[in-house]
C-alpha atoms as a PDB file:
ATOM      1  CA  UNK A   1     -13.538   1.263 -21.121  1.00  0.00           C
ATOM      2  CA  UNK A   2     -13.632  -0.929 -18.024  1.00  0.00           C
ATOM      3  CA  UNK A   3     -10.450  -2.545 -16.763  1.00  0.00           C
ATOM      4  CA  UNK A   4     -10.695  -6.360 -16.666  1.00  0.00           C
ATOM      5  CA  UNK A   5     -11.110  -7.479 -13.062  1.00  0.00           C
ATOM      6  CA  UNK A   6      -7.741  -9.166 -12.585  1.00  0.00           C
ATOM      7  CA  UNK A   7      -5.847  -6.357 -14.336  1.00  0.00           C
ATOM      8  CA  UNK A   8      -6.877  -3.749 -11.785  1.00  0.00           C
ATOM      9  CA  UNK A   9      -4.383  -2.273  -9.353  1.00  0.00           C
ATOM     10  CA  UNK A  10      -5.234  -2.345  -5.660  1.00  0.00           C
ATOM     11  CA  UNK A  11      -3.759   0.074  -3.136  1.00  0.00           C
ATOM     12  CA  UNK A  12      -3.353  -1.543   0.283  1.00  0.00           C
ATOM     13  CA  UNK A  13      -3.186   0.983   3.116  1.00  0.00           C
ATOM     14  CA  UNK A  14      -1.835   0.943   6.669  1.00  0.00           C
ATOM     15  CA  UNK A  15      -2.960   3.778   8.968  1.00  0.00           C
ATOM     16  CA  UNK A  16      -0.716   5.193  11.676  1.00  0.00           C
ATOM     17  CA  UNK A  17      -1.940   7.667  14.271  1.00  0.00           C
ATOM     18  CA  UNK A  18      -0.356   9.694  17.026  1.00  0.00           C
ATOM     19  CA  UNK A  19       2.620  12.022  17.355  1.00  0.00           C
ATOM     20  CA  UNK A  20       4.995   9.551  15.652  1.00  0.00           C
ATOM     21  CA  UNK A  21       2.604   8.656  12.819  1.00  0.00           C
ATOM     22  CA  UNK A  22       4.710  10.082   9.993  1.00  0.00           C
ATOM     23  CA  UNK A  23       7.992   8.559  11.126  1.00  0.00           C
ATOM     24  CA  UNK A  24       6.268   5.216  11.716  1.00  0.00           C
ATOM     25  CA  UNK A  25       4.685   5.291   8.241  1.00  0.00           C
ATOM     26  CA  UNK A  26       8.032   6.184   6.693  1.00  0.00           C
ATOM     27  CA  UNK A  27       9.720   3.308   8.545  1.00  0.00           C
ATOM     28  CA  UNK A  28       6.981   0.820   7.592  1.00  0.00           C
ATOM     29  CA  UNK A  29       7.399   1.843   3.954  1.00  0.00           C
ATOM     30  CA  UNK A  30      10.969   0.505   4.071  1.00  0.00           C
ATOM     31  CA  UNK A  31       9.610  -2.895   5.095  1.00  0.00           C
ATOM     32  CA  UNK A  32       7.065  -2.768   2.285  1.00  0.00           C
ATOM     33  CA  UNK A  33       9.850  -2.105  -0.235  1.00  0.00           C
ATOM     34  CA  UNK A  34      11.740  -5.136   1.087  1.00  0.00           C
ATOM     35  CA  UNK A  35       8.591  -7.256   0.748  1.00  0.00           C
ATOM     36  CA  UNK A  36       8.078  -6.109  -2.862  1.00  0.00           C
ATOM     37  CA  UNK A  37      11.674  -7.043  -3.676  1.00  0.00           C
ATOM     38  CA  UNK A  38      11.613 -10.470  -2.000  1.00  0.00           C
ATOM     39  CA  UNK A  39       8.176 -11.447  -3.330  1.00  0.00           C
ATOM     40  CA  UNK A  40       8.946 -10.096  -6.825  1.00  0.00           C
ATOM     41  CA  UNK A  41       5.621  -8.276  -7.053  1.00  0.00           C
ATOM     42  CA  UNK A  42       4.436  -6.912 -10.398  1.00  0.00           C
ATOM     43  CA  UNK A  43       4.533  -3.254  -9.280  1.00  0.00           C
ATOM     44  CA  UNK A  44       6.907  -1.365  -7.004  1.00  0.00           C
ATOM     45  CA  UNK A  45       4.532   1.441  -6.099  1.00  0.00           C
ATOM     46  CA  UNK A  46       5.185   1.991  -2.398  1.00  0.00           C
ATOM     47  CA  UNK A  47       5.076   5.137  -0.309  1.00  0.00           C
ATOM     48  CA  UNK A  48       3.762   7.070   2.636  1.00  0.00           C
ATOM     49  CA  UNK A  49       1.734  10.229   3.019  1.00  0.00           C
ATOM     50  CA  UNK A  50       0.974  12.576   5.887  1.00  0.00           C
ATOM     51  CA  UNK A  51      -2.786  13.129   6.028  1.00  0.00           C
ATOM     52  CA  UNK A  52      -2.932  15.280   9.152  1.00  0.00           C
ATOM     53  CA  UNK A  53      -1.000  16.295  12.250  1.00  0.00           C
ATOM     54  CA  UNK A  54      -1.443  12.850  13.801  1.00  0.00           C
ATOM     55  CA  UNK A  55      -2.458  10.610  10.883  1.00  0.00           C
ATOM     56  CA  UNK A  56      -0.191   9.158   8.210  1.00  0.00           C
ATOM     57  CA  UNK A  57      -0.441   6.176   5.912  1.00  0.00           C
ATOM     58  CA  UNK A  58       1.878   3.713   4.233  1.00  0.00           C
ATOM     59  CA  UNK A  59       0.658   2.164   1.006  1.00  0.00           C
ATOM     60  CA  UNK A  60       1.535  -0.555  -1.453  1.00  0.00           C
ATOM     61  CA  UNK A  61      -0.010  -0.981  -4.906  1.00  0.00           C
ATOM     62  CA  UNK A  62      -0.406  -4.569  -6.092  1.00  0.00           C
ATOM     63  CA  UNK A  63      -1.970  -6.342  -9.047  1.00  0.00           C
ATOM     64  CA  UNK A  64      -5.396  -7.645  -8.111  1.00  0.00           C
ATOM     65  CA  UNK A  65      -4.302 -11.270  -8.566  1.00  0.00           C
ATOM     66  CA  UNK A  66      -1.529 -10.696  -5.979  1.00  0.00           C
ATOM     67  CA  UNK A  67      -3.800  -9.014  -3.447  1.00  0.00           C
ATOM     68  CA  UNK A  68      -5.042 -12.082  -1.490  1.00  0.00           C
ATOM     69  CA  UNK A  69      -1.513 -13.288  -0.675  1.00  0.00           C
ATOM     70  CA  UNK A  70      -0.216  -9.825   0.182  1.00  0.00           C
ATOM     71  CA  UNK A  71      -3.312  -9.111   2.291  1.00  0.00           C
ATOM     72  CA  UNK A  72      -2.879 -12.363   4.212  1.00  0.00           C
ATOM     73  CA  UNK A  73       0.870 -11.815   4.676  1.00  0.00           C
ATOM     74  CA  UNK A  74       0.828  -8.131   5.672  1.00  0.00           C
ATOM     75  CA  UNK A  75      -2.670  -7.467   7.125  1.00  0.00           C
ATOM     76  CA  UNK A  76      -3.387  -3.988   5.712  1.00  0.00           C
ATOM     77  CA  UNK A  77      -6.006  -1.879   7.456  1.00  0.00           C
ATOM     78  CA  UNK A  78      -7.895  -1.188   4.247  1.00  0.00           C
ATOM     79  CA  UNK A  79      -7.663  -1.211   0.475  1.00  0.00           C
ATOM     80  CA  UNK A  80      -9.075   0.499  -2.581  1.00  0.00           C
ATOM     81  CA  UNK A  81      -8.937   0.293  -6.329  1.00  0.00           C
ATOM     82  CA  UNK A  82      -5.913   2.321  -7.415  1.00  0.00           C
ATOM     83  CA  UNK A  83      -6.191   4.828 -10.232  1.00  0.00           C
ATOM     84  CA  UNK A  84      -2.874   6.178 -11.481  1.00  0.00           C
ATOM     85  CA  UNK A  85      -3.774   9.701 -10.414  1.00  0.00           C
ATOM     86  CA  UNK A  86      -5.176   8.748  -6.980  1.00  0.00           C
ATOM     87  CA  UNK A  87      -2.046   9.281  -4.886  1.00  0.00           C
END
């Protein structure tokens, strides 16, 4: 069954590269948590992940109807439809 368009979850992603990528992604995640709290977003799915020796990401999952505002406020590098098992 297809998910109705506005009920989808979108994962917004910020890429960090270089020797401090993981610590920078971890730090940025704290700011994302603050944003979720202050903006009272529908979901509180926030985190970071090390993808390689010099590449880490921070991510925030939002409801699709919230995505335009969050995108304009926070300027993520990319986004994708979030599936609950896609972390």
